[in-house]
Amino acid sequence: TPPMAFLPPAERYHLMPRIDRWVIQNFFEYLSSHSTVDNTIYSVNLSGSSLNDEQFLAFLKQQLDKYPIHPGMLCFEITETSAIANLQKTADLILELKKVGCHFALDDFGSGMSSFSYLKHLPVDYLKIDGNFVREAPTDQILYAMLQSINNIGHMMGLKTIAEFVEPPTILETVRRLGIDYVQGYTINVPHPLS
């Protein structure tokens, strides 16, 4: 089942915090029982509902205590729209989890109410550039310039940049030329089960 088939109803019926907790618990259990590759960072998406859940931070710290995994292996991804919905609470959560070694990525940057001013107040490590900028950049000069601008400002802020939707190979060449740090997309690999 594709995510967009169940995520909107899960959000509508306030099930996302339960789903996030299930994903975290099962993923941490998986990581603790399988060998991991050194210097690999594993990303986990968090919903806006979990960011606003008063008990979520305590749950996450409990899971980190329960499973013998290094927090530095974890990168939690939050969308820009959920981050700015409660900017201070999100920044506080990020800072608390960064204290134990976790990383954070701002996902889909450019898809919503993008503002470099609020980006200054979110202590994230990675800036994931929305795929709509990336996909059309090789053939659209304005989108190319916007992609270049987001990448440059991200680098000036000390962030690593990630281009989403990197497919086909011509897009990979474009993001390489721009100096974007990492890519995500079918040119690199397609999603597949952990097993």
Protein backbone atom coordinates (compact mmCIF):
# COMPACT_ATOMS: atom_id res chain seq x y z
CA THR A 1 0.00 0.00 0.00
CA PRO A 2 1.51 3.36 -0.98
CA PRO A 3 1.83 5.90 1.87
CA MET A 4 -0.60 8.38 0.32
CA ALA A 5 -3.31 5.71 0.47
CA PHE A 6 -3.31 5.61 4.28
CA LEU A 7 -1.50 8.70 5.59
CA PRO A 8 -4.25 11.31 4.89
CA PRO A 9 -6.94 9.24 6.70
CA ALA A 10 -4.48 8.50 9.53
CA GLU A 11 -3.88 12.23 9.92
CA ARG A 12 -7.59 13.01 9.75
CA TYR A 13 -8.40 10.51 12.51
CA HIS A 14 -5.40 11.50 14.67
CA LEU A 15 -3.62 8.16 14.31
CA MET A 16 -0.22 9.50 13.28
CA PRO A 17 1.33 9.57 16.78
CA ARG A 18 0.48 5.87 17.18
CA ILE A 19 1.90 5.09 13.74
CA ASP A 20 5.09 7.08 14.46
CA ARG A 21 5.54 5.21 17.75
CA TRP A 22 5.00 1.85 16.05
CA VAL A 23 7.54 2.71 13.33
CA ILE A 24 10.14 3.90 15.86
CA GLN A 25 9.73 0.91 18.17
CA ASN A 26 9.90 -1.63 15.34
CA PHE A 27 12.74 0.12 13.54
CA PHE A 28 14.83 0.45 16.71
CA GLU A 29 14.20 -3.24 17.43
CA TYR A 30 15.29 -4.09 13.88
CA LEU A 31 18.46 -1.97 14.13
CA SER A 32 19.41 -3.47 17.47
CA SER A 33 19.11 -7.03 16.16
CA HIS A 34 20.94 -6.54 12.83
CA SER A 35 24.48 -5.48 12.09
CA THR A 36 24.75 -1.93 10.79
CA VAL A 37 27.24 -0.29 8.47
CA ASP A 38 29.61 2.22 10.10
CA ASN A 39 28.89 5.89 9.39
CA THR A 40 25.43 5.06 8.04
CA ILE A 41 22.60 7.38 9.07
CA TYR A 42 19.08 6.00 9.06
CA SER A 43 16.19 8.42 8.49
CA VAL A 44 12.80 8.22 10.19
CA ASN A 45 9.94 10.56 9.28
CA LEU A 46 8.01 12.21 12.10
CA SER A 47 4.51 13.61 11.71
CA GLY A 48 3.43 17.04 12.85
CA SER A 49 1.11 15.35 15.35
CA SER A 50 4.07 13.71 17.07
CA LEU A 51 5.93 17.03 17.19
CA ASN A 52 2.97 18.46 19.11
CA ASP A 53 2.54 15.41 21.38
CA GLU A 54 3.67 16.32 24.92
CA GLN A 55 4.62 12.69 25.65
CA PHE A 56 6.55 12.02 22.44
CA LEU A 57 9.98 13.17 23.64
CA ALA A 58 9.73 10.95 26.74
CA PHE A 59 8.68 8.00 24.55
CA LEU A 60 11.59 8.53 22.19
CA LYS A 61 14.14 8.79 25.00
CA GLN A 62 12.66 5.62 26.54
CA GLN A 63 13.14 3.76 23.24
CA LEU A 64 16.73 5.02 22.97
CA ASP A 65 17.36 3.67 26.49
CA LYS A 66 15.66 0.36 25.69
CA TYR A 67 17.49 -0.51 22.47
CA PRO A 68 21.30 -0.60 22.16
CA ILE A 69 21.60 1.65 19.13
CA HIS A 70 23.78 4.73 18.82
CA PRO A 71 21.64 7.90 18.54
CA GLY A 72 24.13 9.32 16.03
CA MET A 73 22.84 6.76 13.52
CA LEU A 74 19.40 8.40 13.55
CA CYS A 75 18.12 11.30 11.50
CA PHE A 76 14.54 12.37 12.12
CA GLU A 77 12.87 14.03 9.15
CA ILE A 78 10.21 16.67 9.69
CA THR A 79 8.35 18.53 6.96
CA GLU A 80 8.64 22.28 6.80
CA THR A 81 4.86 22.71 7.14
CA SER A 82 4.72 20.68 10.36
CA ALA A 83 7.84 22.42 11.71
CA ILE A 84 6.50 25.94 11.29
CA ALA A 85 3.08 25.03 12.70
CA ASN A 86 4.69 25.21 16.15
CA LEU A 87 8.16 26.58 15.58
CA GLN A 88 9.31 26.91 19.19
CA LYS A 89 8.08 23.48 20.27
CA THR A 90 9.74 21.90 17.23
CA ALA A 91 13.03 23.72 17.88
CA ASP A 92 12.95 22.60 21.54
CA LEU A 93 12.36 18.95 20.56
CA ILE A 94 15.19 19.08 18.02
CA LEU A 95 17.60 20.58 20.56
CA GLU A 96 16.73 17.95 23.20
CA LEU A 97 17.33 15.06 20.79
CA LYS A 98 20.49 16.62 19.36
CA LYS A 99 21.88 16.64 22.92
CA VAL A 100 21.83 12.83 22.87
CA GLY A 101 23.35 12.72 19.37
CA CYS A 102 20.41 12.45 16.95
CA HIS A 103 20.34 14.36 13.65
CA PHE A 104 17.47 16.23 12.01
CA ALA A 105 16.46 16.98 8.43
CA LEU A 106 13.94 19.53 7.24
CA ASP A 107 12.02 17.62 4.58
CA ASP A 108 10.33 18.97 1.42
CA PHE A 109 11.89 22.43 1.77
CA GLY A 110 10.30 24.66 -0.85
CA SER A 111 6.94 22.90 -0.98
CA GLY A 112 5.06 25.07 1.49
CA MET A 113 5.55 28.41 3.19
CA SER A 114 9.31 28.39 2.66
CA SER A 115 11.12 31.12 4.50
CA PHE A 116 14.81 31.38 5.14
CA SER A 117 14.05 33.45 8.24
CA TYR A 118 12.36 30.58 10.10
CA LEU A 119 15.05 28.21 8.86
CA LYS A 120 17.49 30.19 11.02
CA HIS A 121 15.48 29.15 14.10
CA LEU A 122 15.37 25.41 13.38
CA PRO A 123 18.61 23.68 14.44
CA VAL A 124 18.49 21.01 11.72
CA ASP A 125 21.51 19.31 10.15
CA TYR A 126 20.13 18.57 6.67
CA LEU A 127 17.97 20.50 4.24
CA LYS A 128 16.01 18.24 1.87
CA ILE A 129 15.07 20.24 -1.19
CA ASP A 130 11.59 19.51 -2.50
CA GLY A 131 11.59 17.33 -5.59
CA ASN A 132 9.46 19.76 -7.59
CA PHE A 133 12.45 22.13 -7.78
CA VAL A 134 14.81 19.27 -8.55
CA ARG A 135 12.75 17.49 -11.20
CA GLU A 136 12.37 20.48 -13.52
CA ALA A 137 15.71 22.19 -12.86
CA PRO A 138 17.54 20.80 -15.94
CA THR A 139 14.99 22.39 -18.29
CA ASP A 140 13.73 25.42 -16.35
CA GLN A 141 16.19 28.28 -15.73
CA ILE A 142 14.10 29.82 -12.93
CA LEU A 143 13.80 26.54 -11.02
CA TYR A 144 17.51 25.93 -11.59
CA ALA A 145 18.29 29.33 -10.04
CA MET A 146 15.94 28.60 -7.10
CA LEU A 147 17.58 25.22 -6.52
CA GLN A 148 21.01 26.87 -6.65
CA SER A 149 19.87 29.54 -4.18
CA ILE A 150 18.45 27.05 -1.67
CA ASN A 151 21.64 24.98 -1.88
CA ASN A 152 23.90 28.03 -1.44
CA ILE A 153 21.99 29.40 1.54
CA GLY A 154 21.85 25.94 3.13
CA HIS A 155 25.62 25.67 2.82
CA MET A 156 26.13 29.18 4.23
CA MET A 157 24.09 28.08 7.26
CA GLY A 158 26.30 25.02 7.72
CA LEU A 159 23.64 22.55 6.53
CA LYS A 160 24.14 19.56 4.27
CA THR A 161 21.73 19.60 1.34
CA ILE A 162 19.78 16.69 -0.12
CA ALA A 163 18.00 16.74 -3.49
CA GLU A 164 14.80 14.69 -3.66
CA PHE A 165 13.33 12.99 -6.77
CA VAL A 166 16.68 12.51 -8.51
CA GLU A 167 15.59 10.65 -11.61
CA PRO A 168 16.59 10.31 -14.50
CA PRO A 169 20.42 10.57 -14.67
CA THR A 170 20.27 14.07 -16.27
CA ILE A 171 18.95 15.38 -12.94
CA LEU A 172 21.81 13.67 -11.11
CA GLU A 173 24.25 15.60 -13.31
CA THR A 174 22.44 18.87 -12.57
CA VAL A 175 22.58 18.43 -8.78
CA ARG A 176 26.24 17.36 -8.99
CA ARG A 177 27.03 20.52 -10.96
CA LEU A 178 25.28 22.62 -8.29
CA GLY A 179 27.29 20.99 -5.49
CA ILE A 180 24.32 19.50 -3.62
CA ASP A 181 25.69 17.12 -0.98
CA TYR A 182 23.35 14.12 -1.21
CA VAL A 183 20.65 12.77 -3.49
CA GLN A 184 17.55 10.65 -3.06
CA GLY A 185 15.68 9.06 -5.93
CA TYR A 186 15.28 6.15 -8.29
CA THR A 187 18.51 6.97 -10.14
CA ILE A 188 20.30 5.85 -6.96
CA ASN A 189 17.97 3.05 -5.83
CA VAL A 190 14.31 2.13 -5.55
CA PRO A 191 12.60 1.55 -2.20
CA HIS A 192 12.73 -2.04 -1.01
CA PRO A 193 11.85 -3.97 2.18
CA LEU A 194 14.44 -4.09 4.97
CA SER A 195 14.60 -7.86 4.69
